[in-house]
Amino acid sequence: MVTRMPDVAHDCPVCSTAMVDHFKTEEADYTLCPNCDYLRAWAKDVNPLDLNVSLYNERFDQHLEETRVMDDKRRRKYRRFLGQAAGFKQTGRLLDIGCGSGRLLQVAVEDGWEAWGSDPAMGKAATRDDAFQIVPHVVNECGFEDGIFDVVHANEVIEHISDLFPFVTEVSRILRPGGVAVFRTPHHRSWTARMVGADWRQYEVFEKGHVGFVSSRTMTHLFKRNGMRLDRVVTDHFSLRDRYPIKTKVLRMLVGRAYDLVGQVAKVVARGERITVWGVKNQVANGTVGAARSSVGVERTEHRLNSG
């Protein structure tokens, strides 16, 4: 049995407000910020970064040839996102945080982007001679220059981060004014999370490395304090499979269709199981502060791209 944290007071890592007890699982105690709505899991003797590097190095980096395989459905999904992001394209540079094996980066290069990735779990992937570059560090340690990217993307990443405020601060710093950050993450204000409760599979620390959950309120707070504004919120998906597993194939198919219908309603009212937020960096009056420079501050990486 996993030992939980002792009962102690916690301040919110996002806004420093005193958090309140929300619920407990066998793995962790969960506290909620009454100010910014951030939900945090606290597990004893866990370093979230070390845990996540261990989990995802084994799942992705150690099986690189398999995890780089991309079917047509995934490629179309990436192209839809890149099409939406094209409206922010000026420098042509895109960063994918938590990029894994680099599938989005591959499609981005095909579509004319200068694509970069950062992922501390991907040491093997970072050594490959690709048309894109993966830096095997957390983004705060990559050394990117101010205002270098048009788009910073992070899919299923921020739930793994224990200290979210400096992460968003760094994202804002490396975005050019008018650039956009796009984060997709499990939504603790979703109908699924509310109905399934502590059994929701996203509330798994040791299997998934999930330690923090946001809502649109959380992201509004984070963006505002870091010179950005919340531009767009989209939620999607609904399921109760974590509470009511169905083994019969036919029944599973019928219930799945019902879940899809409910998911469409959840999307309309912003209660889907996944939340995607678009945050735009504020412009400055003279248009010069934070302007992108001509190179990225990782010397070895820069040489590889420029020599290709």
Protein backbone atom coordinates (compact mmCIF):
# COMPACT_ATOMS: atom_id res chain seq x y z
CA MET A 1 0.00 0.00 0.00
CA VAL A 2 1.25 3.47 -0.88
CA THR A 3 1.85 5.82 2.04
CA ARG A 4 0.14 9.18 1.67
CA MET A 5 1.46 12.53 2.76
CA PRO A 6 0.85 13.43 6.43
CA ASP A 7 -1.83 16.04 6.99
CA VAL A 8 -0.02 19.32 6.34
CA ALA A 9 -1.03 22.71 5.00
CA HIS A 10 -0.12 23.51 1.40
CA ASP A 11 0.04 26.82 -0.43
CA CYS A 12 -1.03 26.84 -4.05
CA PRO A 13 1.96 26.51 -6.42
CA VAL A 14 0.16 28.80 -8.86
CA CYS A 15 -1.05 31.72 -6.74
CA SER A 16 0.25 31.04 -3.18
CA THR A 17 -3.26 30.91 -1.69
CA ALA A 18 -3.78 28.39 1.13
CA MET A 19 -5.22 25.24 -0.43
CA VAL A 20 -8.08 23.20 1.07
CA ASP A 21 -8.46 19.43 1.33
CA HIS A 22 -10.48 18.05 -1.59
CA PHE A 23 -10.23 14.25 -1.53
CA LYS A 24 -7.81 11.38 -0.88
CA THR A 25 -6.78 8.28 -2.79
CA GLU A 26 -4.50 5.42 -1.79
CA GLU A 27 -1.69 7.23 -3.61
CA ALA A 28 -2.07 10.85 -2.64
CA ASP A 29 -3.91 13.67 -0.93
CA TYR A 30 -5.57 16.17 -3.28
CA THR A 31 -5.91 19.83 -2.36
CA LEU A 32 -7.80 22.54 -4.22
CA CYS A 33 -7.04 26.25 -4.47
CA PRO A 34 -10.17 28.32 -3.73
CA ASN A 35 -8.68 31.27 -5.62
CA CYS A 36 -7.38 29.91 -8.96
CA ASP A 37 -9.02 26.44 -8.95
CA TYR A 38 -5.73 24.53 -9.25
CA LEU A 39 -5.93 20.92 -8.04
CA ARG A 40 -2.71 19.36 -6.75
CA ALA A 41 -1.83 15.79 -5.78
CA TRP A 42 0.61 15.34 -2.91
CA ALA A 43 2.27 11.92 -2.59
CA LYS A 44 4.96 11.09 -0.07
CA ASP A 45 8.58 10.70 -1.21
CA VAL A 46 7.80 11.46 -4.86
CA ASN A 47 9.85 13.71 -7.11
CA PRO A 48 7.44 14.33 -10.03
CA LEU A 49 10.20 15.10 -12.56
CA ASP A 50 12.23 11.99 -11.75
CA LEU A 51 9.09 9.85 -11.79
CA ASN A 52 7.95 11.15 -15.18
CA VAL A 53 11.39 10.86 -16.79
CA SER A 54 11.56 7.25 -15.64
CA LEU A 55 8.04 6.42 -16.86
CA TYR A 56 8.24 8.02 -20.28
CA ASN A 57 11.85 7.21 -21.11
CA GLU A 58 10.91 3.54 -20.86
CA ARG A 59 7.63 3.92 -22.74
CA PHE A 60 8.82 6.15 -25.58
CA ASP A 61 12.58 6.69 -25.83
CA GLN A 62 13.48 3.03 -25.32
CA HIS A 63 11.02 2.01 -28.05
CA LEU A 64 11.72 4.80 -30.49
CA GLU A 65 11.12 2.94 -33.72
CA GLU A 66 7.65 1.88 -32.57
CA THR A 67 6.63 5.20 -31.03
CA ARG A 68 7.61 7.14 -34.14
CA VAL A 69 5.16 5.22 -36.30
CA MET A 70 2.34 7.53 -37.35
CA ASP A 71 -0.95 6.49 -38.92
CA ASP A 72 -3.05 8.68 -41.22
CA LYS A 73 -5.53 9.56 -38.48
CA ARG A 74 -2.83 11.03 -36.26
CA ARG A 75 -1.23 12.85 -39.18
CA ARG A 76 -4.57 14.47 -40.03
CA LYS A 77 -4.99 15.48 -36.39
CA TYR A 78 -1.60 17.19 -36.37
CA ARG A 79 -2.34 18.93 -39.67
CA ARG A 80 -5.60 20.29 -38.27
CA PHE A 81 -3.72 21.78 -35.33
CA LEU A 82 -0.98 23.21 -37.54
CA GLY A 83 -3.63 24.73 -39.77
CA GLN A 84 -5.14 26.49 -36.76
CA ALA A 85 -1.70 27.62 -35.59
CA ALA A 86 -0.77 28.97 -39.03
CA GLY A 87 -2.50 32.26 -38.22
CA PHE A 88 0.28 32.94 -35.69
CA LYS A 89 3.15 32.09 -38.04
CA GLN A 90 5.73 34.87 -38.46
CA THR A 91 9.17 33.55 -37.59
CA GLY A 92 8.08 30.06 -38.61
CA ARG A 93 9.40 28.50 -35.38
CA LEU A 94 7.37 26.04 -33.33
CA LEU A 95 8.26 24.33 -30.06
CA ASP A 96 6.58 21.15 -28.84
CA ILE A 97 7.15 20.64 -25.09
CA GLY A 98 6.99 17.02 -23.99
CA CYS A 99 7.41 16.09 -27.64
CA GLY A 100 8.04 12.38 -27.11
CA SER A 101 9.44 10.76 -30.23
CA GLY A 102 8.69 13.84 -32.33
CA ARG A 103 5.68 12.92 -34.43
CA LEU A 104 4.16 16.42 -34.36
CA LEU A 105 7.59 17.86 -35.20
CA GLN A 106 7.84 15.59 -38.22
CA VAL A 107 4.53 16.84 -39.63
CA ALA A 108 5.39 20.44 -38.76
CA VAL A 109 8.61 20.25 -40.79
CA GLU A 110 6.66 18.78 -43.71
CA ASP A 111 4.32 21.78 -43.47
CA GLY A 112 7.15 24.32 -43.56
CA TRP A 113 7.83 24.99 -39.87
CA GLU A 114 11.21 25.16 -38.18
CA ALA A 115 10.32 22.64 -35.51
CA TRP A 116 11.87 22.11 -32.09
CA GLY A 117 11.06 19.81 -29.21
CA SER A 118 11.98 19.60 -25.54
CA ASP A 119 11.58 16.46 -23.46
CA PRO A 120 13.80 15.34 -20.57
CA ALA A 121 12.79 11.72 -21.12
CA MET A 122 13.99 11.56 -24.74
CA GLY A 123 17.79 11.28 -24.59
CA LYS A 124 17.97 8.72 -27.39
CA ALA A 125 15.62 10.69 -29.66
CA ALA A 126 17.73 13.81 -29.18
CA THR A 127 20.75 12.16 -30.84
CA ARG A 128 19.01 11.34 -34.12
CA ASP A 129 19.86 13.27 -37.27
CA ASP A 130 16.38 14.56 -38.07
CA ALA A 131 15.05 17.65 -39.82
CA PHE A 132 13.93 18.79 -36.38
CA GLN A 133 15.77 18.99 -33.06
CA ILE A 134 14.79 17.52 -29.69
CA VAL A 135 16.51 19.02 -26.65
CA PRO A 136 16.50 16.44 -23.80
CA HIS A 137 15.75 18.89 -20.98
CA VAL A 138 12.78 20.54 -19.31
CA VAL A 139 11.98 23.75 -21.16
CA ASN A 140 13.31 25.98 -18.36
CA GLU A 141 16.77 24.45 -18.90
CA CYS A 142 16.91 24.56 -22.70
CA GLY A 143 18.41 28.04 -23.00
CA PHE A 144 16.09 29.31 -25.73
CA GLU A 145 16.32 33.03 -26.44
CA ASP A 146 13.63 35.58 -25.70
CA GLY A 147 10.73 35.79 -28.13
CA ILE A 148 12.05 33.08 -30.45
CA PHE A 149 8.86 31.05 -31.12
CA ASP A 150 5.55 31.77 -32.81
CA VAL A 151 3.89 28.73 -31.23
CA VAL A 152 4.61 26.73 -28.08
CA HIS A 153 2.60 23.52 -27.84
CA ALA A 154 2.28 21.09 -24.92
CA ASN A 155 -0.09 18.14 -25.22
CA GLU A 156 -0.75 16.17 -22.02
CA VAL A 157 2.19 17.85 -20.27
CA ILE A 158 1.11 20.34 -17.62
CA GLU A 159 -0.54 17.64 -15.48
CA HIS A 160 2.98 16.24 -14.95
CA ILE A 161 4.49 19.52 -13.71
CA SER A 162 4.68 20.15 -9.97
CA ASP A 163 5.48 23.88 -10.18
CA LEU A 164 3.37 25.32 -12.95
CA PHE A 165 3.98 29.05 -12.50
CA PRO A 166 7.68 29.14 -13.56
CA PHE A 167 6.80 26.85 -16.47
CA VAL A 168 4.27 29.35 -17.86
CA THR A 169 6.69 32.20 -17.12
CA GLU A 170 9.30 30.49 -19.30
CA VAL A 171 6.81 29.80 -22.07
CA SER A 172 5.85 33.48 -22.10
CA ARG A 173 9.51 34.52 -22.22
CA ILE A 174 10.34 32.43 -25.30
CA LEU A 175 7.17 33.39 -27.18
CA ARG A 176 7.29 36.46 -29.40
CA PRO A 177 4.67 39.14 -28.68
CA GLY A 178 1.50 37.97 -30.40
CA GLY A 179 2.67 34.34 -30.30
CA VAL A 180 0.50 31.60 -28.86
CA ALA A 181 0.83 28.82 -26.29
CA VAL A 182 -1.47 25.83 -26.71
CA PHE A 183 -1.88 23.44 -23.77
CA ARG A 184 -4.06 20.32 -23.69
CA THR A 185 -4.57 18.49 -20.40
CA PRO A 186 -7.10 16.50 -18.34
CA HIS A 187 -9.91 18.73 -17.11
CA HIS A 188 -10.79 18.36 -13.44
CA ARG A 189 -13.97 20.40 -13.94
CA SER A 190 -15.28 17.97 -16.55
CA TRP A 191 -18.46 15.95 -16.19
CA THR A 192 -16.34 12.81 -16.30
CA ALA A 193 -14.16 13.90 -13.37
CA ARG A 194 -17.21 14.95 -11.38
CA MET A 195 -19.15 11.71 -11.95
CA VAL A 196 -16.26 9.27 -11.67
CA GLY A 197 -14.62 11.03 -8.74
CA ALA A 198 -11.43 9.66 -7.22
CA ASP A 199 -11.59 6.62 -9.54
CA TRP A 200 -10.90 8.77 -12.61
CA ARG A 201 -7.88 7.28 -14.32
CA GLN A 202 -6.26 10.70 -14.65
CA TYR A 203 -5.86 10.78 -10.87
CA GLU A 204 -2.95 8.33 -11.00
CA VAL A 205 0.39 9.48 -9.67
CA PHE A 206 2.62 6.42 -9.93
CA GLU A 207 1.24 4.94 -13.16
CA LYS A 208 0.81 8.19 -15.12
CA GLY A 209 2.89 10.76 -13.24
CA HIS A 210 -0.06 13.15 -12.91
CA VAL A 211 0.30 15.66 -10.08
CA GLY A 212 -1.63 18.81 -11.09
CA PHE A 213 -4.90 19.73 -12.79
CA VAL A 214 -6.20 23.01 -14.16
CA SER A 215 -9.41 24.63 -15.32
CA SER A 216 -9.97 27.68 -17.50
CA ARG A 217 -9.93 29.74 -14.30
CA THR A 218 -6.46 28.44 -13.43
CA MET A 219 -5.13 29.23 -16.89
CA THR A 220 -6.70 32.70 -16.94
CA HIS A 221 -4.80 33.42 -13.72
CA LEU A 222 -1.51 31.98 -15.00
CA PHE A 223 -1.65 33.78 -18.33
CA LYS A 224 -2.61 37.13 -16.81
CA ARG A 225 0.31 37.05 -14.38
CA ASN A 226 2.73 36.24 -17.18
CA GLY A 227 1.89 38.89 -19.76
CA MET A 228 -0.57 36.75 -21.70
CA ARG A 229 -4.31 36.44 -22.17
CA LEU A 230 -6.62 33.48 -22.48
CA ASP A 231 -7.75 33.52 -26.11
CA ARG A 232 -9.65 30.26 -26.60
CA VAL A 233 -10.91 27.29 -24.56
CA VAL A 234 -12.07 23.99 -26.06
CA THR A 235 -13.03 20.85 -24.16
CA ASP A 236 -13.85 17.42 -25.53
CA HIS A 237 -14.71 13.82 -24.62
CA PHE A 238 -16.95 12.16 -22.05
CA SER A 239 -16.85 8.67 -20.58
CA LEU A 240 -17.79 6.81 -17.41
CA ARG A 241 -15.74 3.71 -18.24
CA ASP A 242 -13.52 4.20 -15.20
CA ARG A 243 -16.52 3.77 -12.91
CA TYR A 244 -18.65 1.41 -15.00
CA PRO A 245 -16.39 -0.87 -17.08
CA ILE A 246 -18.22 -2.83 -19.77
CA LYS A 247 -16.85 -6.16 -20.99
CA THR A 248 -19.41 -7.05 -23.67
CA LYS A 249 -18.28 -5.78 -27.06
CA VAL A 250 -21.74 -4.95 -28.41
CA LEU A 251 -22.84 -3.18 -25.24
CA ARG A 252 -19.54 -1.32 -25.13
CA MET A 253 -20.17 -0.08 -28.68
CA LEU A 254 -23.71 1.10 -27.86
CA VAL A 255 -22.67 2.83 -24.66
CA GLY A 256 -19.74 4.38 -26.54
CA ARG A 257 -22.17 6.01 -28.95
CA ALA A 258 -24.14 7.40 -26.01
CA TYR A 259 -20.91 8.76 -24.52
CA ASP A 260 -20.14 10.44 -27.84
CA LEU A 261 -23.51 12.22 -27.79
CA VAL A 262 -23.01 13.40 -24.22
CA GLY A 263 -19.50 14.44 -25.18
CA GLN A 264 -20.89 16.79 -27.82
CA VAL A 265 -23.03 18.50 -25.19
CA ALA A 266 -20.07 18.60 -22.77
CA LYS A 267 -18.05 20.32 -25.47
CA VAL A 268 -20.67 23.02 -25.93
CA VAL A 269 -20.82 23.80 -22.20
CA ALA A 270 -17.03 23.42 -21.67
CA ARG A 271 -17.26 20.32 -19.49
CA GLY A 272 -15.33 17.85 -21.65
CA GLU A 273 -12.75 15.49 -20.15
CA ARG A 274 -9.85 17.23 -21.91
CA ILE A 275 -9.34 20.98 -21.94
CA THR A 276 -7.31 22.82 -24.58
CA VAL A 277 -6.38 26.43 -23.86
CA TRP A 278 -4.84 28.95 -26.26
CA GLY A 279 -2.96 31.77 -24.57
CA VAL A 280 -1.65 34.72 -26.60
CA LYS A 281 1.32 36.78 -25.47
CA ASN A 282 0.46 40.44 -25.15
CA GLN A 283 1.82 42.88 -27.70
CA VAL A 284 3.94 45.80 -26.48
CA ALA A 285 3.45 49.43 -27.37
CA ASN A 286 6.60 49.89 -29.47
CA GLY A 287 6.59 46.38 -30.92
CA THR A 288 10.23 45.74 -30.01
CA VAL A 289 10.32 44.12 -26.58
CA GLY A 290 10.80 40.37 -26.80
CA ALA A 291 11.25 40.34 -30.57
CA ALA A 292 12.69 37.08 -31.87
CA ARG A 293 16.40 36.97 -32.57
CA SER A 294 17.94 35.11 -35.46
CA SER A 295 19.17 32.04 -33.60
CA VAL A 296 18.25 29.72 -30.75
CA GLY A 297 20.51 29.66 -27.71
CA VAL A 298 21.57 26.01 -27.90
CA GLU A 299 24.84 26.02 -29.82
CA ARG A 300 25.10 22.32 -30.71
CA THR A 301 21.49 22.19 -31.75
CA GLU A 302 21.69 25.35 -33.84
CA HIS A 303 24.65 23.96 -35.75
CA ARG A 304 22.80 20.75 -36.60
CA LEU A 305 19.79 22.57 -37.99
CA ASN A 306 21.75 25.16 -39.95
CA SER A 307 24.05 22.56 -41.43
CA GLY A 308 21.13 20.46 -42.69
